[in-house]
Amino acid sequence: MSASKDRIGRYGIWSIGLRAEEPGRRGELGEAAAELEELGYGAVWLGGSSAARHAVPLLEETRSLTVGTSIQSIWQYDAVASAAAFAEVDAAHPGRFLLGLGVSHAKLADQYRRPYSALVAYLDALDAAGVPEDRRLLAALGPKTLELSRDRAAGAVPYLVTAEHTARAREILGAGPLLAPELKVVLETDAVRARSLARGALAMYLALPNYTNNFLRLGFTEDDLADGGSDRLVDSVFAWGDEDRVRSRIDTFHQAGADHVALQLITGGDRDALPREGWRRLASLLA
């Protein structure tokens, strides 16, 4: 099964800032979402452990934009409550919300245990509550979870991956399911500064075994993971440089089998900020 590939298009924006909790930012978030829709992005992916309620301000101020969670932690949100929230949002904005789920990380969830089995049980509960398979996606990195994305969801939304991982994921998923990897973008042409900004964003993930184990499966070494990440690692998981180079890196993910790429703009600033000028620049180079 697959979420509508036509609906979300080839490009989306991944942002933690667009899921901000502060009530006073509701208008700002809606305005930003409306501009992203006008710029031609087909989807917005709400970073962090987001939930259906975070999608509402964006859906209310747009006409056709798809909004998805990337991801909602299965440890933080009860499945029955998640299903009820999904139903409420879907009733108000039919077909425009995608429930992206993931197992998060042991360091971030006290109850973390047997993550694969817990994810299967969560999907069972969603089935029982009536959440359609074609409206949910999994943050899959390893082969077993990719197979689960194929068999029990609309596809996968892998985070912090390479084009090679995308090719492997497509082979496991087959042609039908949606494959929408996240890719970090640094709009900086100076190599030293670009890689410095990239390493600043990468640092927290190099302490999380789910990601480092995936890098090792892809052929990186412990040396690649040391000292903030090697140039080889940074250049594989970030798109940086001038417009042609950034566009070329994004294209490699599509060539590897991605249907849609969720672009996260890295500026070195507050992750809750909305880098709207950068989003405009991205839209221009993608046009």
Protein backbone atom coordinates (compact mmCIF):
# COMPACT_ATOMS: atom_id res chain seq x y z
CA MET A 1 0.00 0.00 0.00
CA SER A 2 1.16 3.55 -0.57
CA ALA A 3 0.35 7.03 0.51
CA SER A 4 -0.43 9.15 -2.52
CA LYS A 5 2.88 9.88 -4.23
CA ASP A 6 1.19 12.38 -6.51
CA ARG A 7 -0.20 14.30 -3.54
CA ILE A 8 3.11 14.88 -1.77
CA GLY A 9 5.25 15.41 -4.87
CA ARG A 10 9.03 15.07 -5.02
CA TYR A 11 10.06 17.53 -2.31
CA GLY A 12 9.01 18.45 1.20
CA ILE A 13 10.34 20.36 4.20
CA TRP A 14 11.39 18.67 7.45
CA SER A 15 11.27 21.03 10.43
CA ILE A 16 11.19 20.95 14.20
CA GLY A 17 10.21 24.61 14.29
CA LEU A 18 6.91 23.96 12.53
CA ARG A 19 5.75 21.79 15.42
CA ALA A 20 6.29 24.44 18.08
CA GLU A 21 4.03 24.16 21.11
CA GLU A 22 3.68 27.85 21.99
CA PRO A 23 0.07 29.02 21.36
CA GLY A 24 1.36 32.45 20.38
CA ARG A 25 3.15 31.00 17.35
CA ARG A 26 0.05 29.44 15.80
CA GLY A 27 -0.43 32.26 13.29
CA GLU A 28 3.26 32.30 12.38
CA LEU A 29 3.23 28.55 11.75
CA GLY A 30 0.14 28.73 9.57
CA GLU A 31 1.58 31.59 7.55
CA ALA A 32 4.84 29.71 7.02
CA ALA A 33 2.97 26.58 5.92
CA ALA A 34 0.91 28.58 3.44
CA GLU A 35 4.09 29.98 1.92
CA LEU A 36 5.68 26.52 1.68
CA GLU A 37 2.60 25.36 -0.22
CA GLU A 38 2.86 28.34 -2.58
CA LEU A 39 6.56 27.61 -3.10
CA GLY A 40 5.65 24.18 -4.42
CA TYR A 41 6.57 21.86 -1.58
CA GLY A 42 4.15 18.97 -1.41
CA ALA A 43 4.57 18.05 2.23
CA VAL A 44 5.79 19.26 5.59
CA TRP A 45 7.33 16.77 8.01
CA LEU A 46 7.14 17.69 11.68
CA GLY A 47 10.40 16.82 13.39
CA GLY A 48 10.99 15.61 16.89
CA SER A 49 8.44 13.44 18.63
CA SER A 50 5.49 15.23 17.09
CA ALA A 51 1.81 14.32 17.15
CA ALA A 52 -1.36 14.84 15.16
CA ARG A 53 -2.25 18.01 17.07
CA HIS A 54 0.91 19.70 15.80
CA ALA A 55 -0.34 19.36 12.24
CA VAL A 56 -3.57 21.28 12.82
CA PRO A 57 -2.30 24.90 12.52
CA LEU A 58 -0.59 24.01 9.25
CA LEU A 59 -3.53 22.14 7.76
CA GLU A 60 -5.96 24.92 8.66
CA GLU A 61 -4.04 27.54 6.68
CA THR A 62 -3.33 25.47 3.55
CA ARG A 63 -5.41 23.92 0.81
CA SER A 64 -3.62 20.76 -0.30
CA LEU A 65 -0.36 20.51 1.66
CA THR A 66 0.23 17.13 3.26
CA VAL A 67 1.52 17.18 6.84
CA GLY A 68 3.23 14.19 8.43
CA THR A 69 4.93 13.38 11.71
CA SER A 70 8.61 12.49 11.46
CA ILE A 71 8.28 10.99 13.83
CA GLN A 72 5.78 10.26 16.53
CA SER A 73 7.49 8.12 19.18
CA ILE A 74 5.57 4.96 20.03
CA TRP A 75 6.80 5.29 23.62
CA GLN A 76 5.51 8.81 24.13
CA TYR A 77 2.02 8.47 22.65
CA ASP A 78 -0.44 5.69 23.45
CA ALA A 79 -1.71 3.88 20.35
CA VAL A 80 -5.41 4.21 21.19
CA ALA A 81 -5.06 7.92 21.90
CA SER A 82 -3.01 8.33 18.72
CA ALA A 83 -5.71 6.63 16.70
CA ALA A 84 -8.37 8.94 18.14
CA ALA A 85 -6.26 12.01 17.36
CA PHE A 86 -5.64 10.74 13.83
CA ALA A 87 -9.38 10.25 13.28
CA GLU A 88 -10.15 13.76 14.50
CA VAL A 89 -7.56 15.41 12.25
CA ASP A 90 -8.51 13.28 9.27
CA ALA A 91 -12.18 14.13 9.66
CA ALA A 92 -11.37 17.85 9.52
CA HIS A 93 -8.75 17.56 6.74
CA PRO A 94 -9.43 14.35 4.82
CA GLY A 95 -6.41 12.59 3.35
CA ARG A 96 -3.90 15.30 4.26
CA PHE A 97 -2.30 13.92 7.42
CA LEU A 98 0.22 11.06 7.53
CA LEU A 99 1.14 9.36 10.78
CA GLY A 100 4.89 8.75 10.76
CA LEU A 101 5.89 6.42 13.59
CA GLY A 102 9.20 5.36 15.05
CA VAL A 103 10.81 3.59 18.00
CA SER A 104 13.04 6.57 18.90
CA HIS A 105 16.12 5.69 20.98
CA ALA A 106 16.95 3.96 24.25
CA LYS A 107 18.58 7.14 25.58
CA LEU A 108 15.37 9.09 24.97
CA ALA A 109 12.73 6.66 26.23
CA ASP A 110 12.87 5.12 29.71
CA GLN A 111 10.53 2.29 28.73
CA TYR A 112 12.55 1.35 25.63
CA ARG A 113 12.61 -2.43 25.25
CA ARG A 114 12.27 -4.92 22.38
CA PRO A 115 11.60 -2.03 19.97
CA TYR A 116 10.63 -4.13 16.96
CA SER A 117 8.08 -6.16 18.92
CA ALA A 118 6.74 -3.00 20.50
CA LEU A 119 6.30 -1.42 17.07
CA VAL A 120 4.42 -4.48 15.79
CA ALA A 121 2.13 -4.36 18.81
CA TYR A 122 1.54 -0.64 18.24
CA LEU A 123 0.53 -1.30 14.63
CA ASP A 124 -1.81 -4.05 15.83
CA ALA A 125 -3.48 -1.53 18.13
CA LEU A 126 -3.81 0.99 15.28
CA ASP A 127 -5.40 -1.71 13.13
CA ALA A 128 -7.91 -2.45 15.86
CA ALA A 129 -8.70 1.26 16.17
CA GLY A 130 -9.21 1.68 12.43
CA VAL A 131 -6.16 3.70 11.35
CA PRO A 132 -5.63 2.71 7.69
CA GLU A 133 -2.30 1.18 6.71
CA ASP A 134 -2.01 3.55 3.77
CA ARG A 135 -1.97 6.57 6.07
CA ARG A 136 0.93 5.56 8.27
CA LEU A 137 4.68 5.42 7.65
CA LEU A 138 7.60 4.00 9.59
CA ALA A 139 11.00 5.54 10.34
CA ALA A 140 12.78 2.44 9.13
CA LEU A 141 16.55 1.98 8.99
CA GLY A 142 17.23 -1.76 9.22
CA PRO A 143 15.93 -4.52 6.93
CA LYS A 144 13.30 -5.89 9.34
CA THR A 145 11.66 -2.53 9.91
CA LEU A 146 11.78 -1.76 6.20
CA GLU A 147 9.95 -5.02 5.58
CA LEU A 148 7.40 -3.97 8.19
CA SER A 149 7.03 -0.64 6.37
CA ARG A 150 6.24 -2.59 3.22
CA ASP A 151 3.82 -5.04 4.82
CA ARG A 152 2.06 -2.98 7.50
CA ALA A 153 2.31 0.64 6.37
CA ALA A 154 2.32 2.90 3.32
CA GLY A 155 6.10 2.96 3.26
CA ALA A 156 9.10 4.44 5.04
CA VAL A 157 10.43 7.82 6.16
CA PRO A 158 14.09 7.03 6.98
CA TYR A 159 16.05 9.72 8.81
CA LEU A 160 19.77 10.55 8.52
CA VAL A 161 20.51 8.19 5.65
CA THR A 162 22.60 8.06 2.49
CA ALA A 163 21.64 7.54 -1.12
CA GLU A 164 23.02 4.01 -0.81
CA HIS A 165 20.63 3.32 2.06
CA THR A 166 17.82 4.66 -0.13
CA ALA A 167 18.75 2.17 -2.87
CA ARG A 168 18.77 -0.70 -0.36
CA ALA A 169 15.47 0.45 1.09
CA ARG A 170 13.85 0.58 -2.34
CA GLU A 171 15.01 -2.97 -3.05
CA ILE A 172 13.34 -4.19 0.15
CA LEU A 173 10.17 -2.11 -0.24
CA GLY A 174 9.61 -2.87 -3.89
CA ALA A 175 8.08 -0.44 -6.34
CA GLY A 176 4.80 0.38 -4.64
CA PRO A 177 5.41 1.75 -1.13
CA LEU A 178 6.35 5.36 -0.52
CA LEU A 179 10.02 5.99 0.23
CA ALA A 180 10.63 9.50 1.61
CA PRO A 181 14.09 9.87 3.17
CA GLU A 182 15.14 12.98 5.07
CA LEU A 183 18.18 14.89 3.78
CA LYS A 184 19.95 17.77 5.53
CA VAL A 185 20.90 20.78 3.39
CA VAL A 186 23.55 23.42 4.10
CA LEU A 187 23.36 26.36 1.70
CA GLU A 188 27.04 27.22 2.09
CA THR A 189 29.73 27.06 -0.58
CA ASP A 190 32.78 27.24 1.69
CA ALA A 191 33.73 23.63 2.47
CA VAL A 192 35.17 24.34 5.91
CA ARG A 193 32.15 26.32 7.08
CA ALA A 194 29.64 23.95 5.45
CA ARG A 195 31.15 20.89 7.11
CA SER A 196 31.41 22.72 10.42
CA LEU A 197 27.69 23.52 10.32
CA ALA A 198 26.98 19.94 9.31
CA ARG A 199 29.02 18.51 12.19
CA GLY A 200 27.19 20.77 14.60
CA ALA A 201 23.91 19.21 13.49
CA LEU A 202 25.33 15.68 13.33
CA ALA A 203 26.89 15.56 16.80
CA MET A 204 23.80 14.53 18.76
CA TYR A 205 23.07 11.65 16.39
CA LEU A 206 26.55 10.16 16.66
CA ALA A 207 25.69 9.32 20.29
CA LEU A 208 22.65 7.24 19.24
CA PRO A 209 23.36 3.58 18.36
CA ASN A 210 20.37 3.27 16.00
CA TYR A 211 22.11 5.69 13.65
CA THR A 212 25.71 4.68 14.19
CA ASN A 213 24.86 1.00 13.69
CA ASN A 214 23.14 1.90 10.45
CA PHE A 215 26.22 3.77 9.27
CA LEU A 216 28.37 0.74 10.06
CA ARG A 217 25.99 -1.48 8.06
CA LEU A 218 26.47 0.91 5.14
CA GLY A 219 30.24 0.43 5.19
CA PHE A 220 31.39 3.36 7.29
CA THR A 221 33.98 2.64 9.98
CA GLU A 222 34.43 3.67 13.59
CA ASP A 223 36.95 6.22 12.32
CA ASP A 224 34.19 7.80 10.22
CA LEU A 225 32.11 8.23 13.39
CA ALA A 226 34.90 9.84 15.45
CA ASP A 227 35.66 13.53 15.96
CA GLY A 228 32.30 14.78 14.74
CA GLY A 229 32.23 12.60 11.63
CA SER A 230 34.61 12.21 8.72
CA ASP A 231 34.32 14.28 5.56
CA ARG A 232 33.14 11.11 3.82
CA LEU A 233 30.28 10.66 6.30
CA VAL A 234 29.32 14.33 6.29
CA ASP A 235 29.30 14.51 2.51
CA SER A 236 27.08 11.41 2.34
CA VAL A 237 24.34 12.59 4.70
CA PHE A 238 24.34 16.32 3.89
CA ALA A 239 23.84 18.27 0.69
CA TRP A 240 26.04 21.36 0.76
CA GLY A 241 27.62 23.73 -1.71
CA ASP A 242 26.35 25.93 -4.52
CA GLU A 243 22.95 25.46 -6.11
CA ASP A 244 24.14 22.95 -8.71
CA ARG A 245 25.92 20.81 -6.15
CA VAL A 246 22.98 20.82 -3.73
CA ARG A 247 20.53 19.97 -6.50
CA SER A 248 22.81 17.16 -7.70
CA ARG A 249 23.00 15.63 -4.20
CA ILE A 250 19.23 15.74 -3.84
CA ASP A 251 18.87 14.15 -7.27
CA THR A 252 21.04 11.20 -6.20
CA PHE A 253 18.38 10.24 -3.66
CA HIS A 254 15.69 10.24 -6.33
CA GLN A 255 17.95 8.27 -8.64
CA ALA A 256 18.48 5.75 -5.84
CA GLY A 257 14.75 5.16 -5.55
CA ALA A 258 13.25 7.90 -3.36
CA ASP A 259 9.77 9.06 -4.34
CA HIS A 260 10.04 12.17 -2.18
CA VAL A 261 12.89 13.82 -0.26
CA ALA A 262 12.21 15.63 3.02
CA LEU A 263 14.69 18.52 3.14
CA GLN A 264 15.93 19.83 6.48
CA LEU A 265 17.72 23.16 6.21
CA ILE A 266 20.73 23.46 8.53
CA THR A 267 21.72 27.04 9.35
CA GLY A 268 23.54 26.73 12.65
CA GLY A 269 20.76 28.67 14.36
CA ASP A 270 17.96 27.69 16.72
CA ARG A 271 16.28 24.48 15.58
CA ASP A 272 12.89 25.99 16.47
CA ALA A 273 13.43 28.87 14.05
CA LEU A 274 11.70 29.02 10.69
CA PRO A 275 14.40 29.67 8.04
CA ARG A 276 11.94 30.98 5.50
CA GLU A 277 14.46 32.76 3.29
CA GLY A 278 16.42 29.50 3.07
CA TRP A 279 13.26 27.61 2.15
CA ARG A 280 12.70 30.12 -0.64
CA ARG A 281 16.25 29.60 -1.91
CA LEU A 282 15.73 25.84 -1.85
CA ALA A 283 12.49 26.13 -3.79
CA SER A 284 14.23 28.26 -6.40
CA LEU A 285 17.03 25.77 -6.99
CA LEU A 286 14.52 22.90 -7.18
CA ALA A 287 12.28 24.65 -9.69
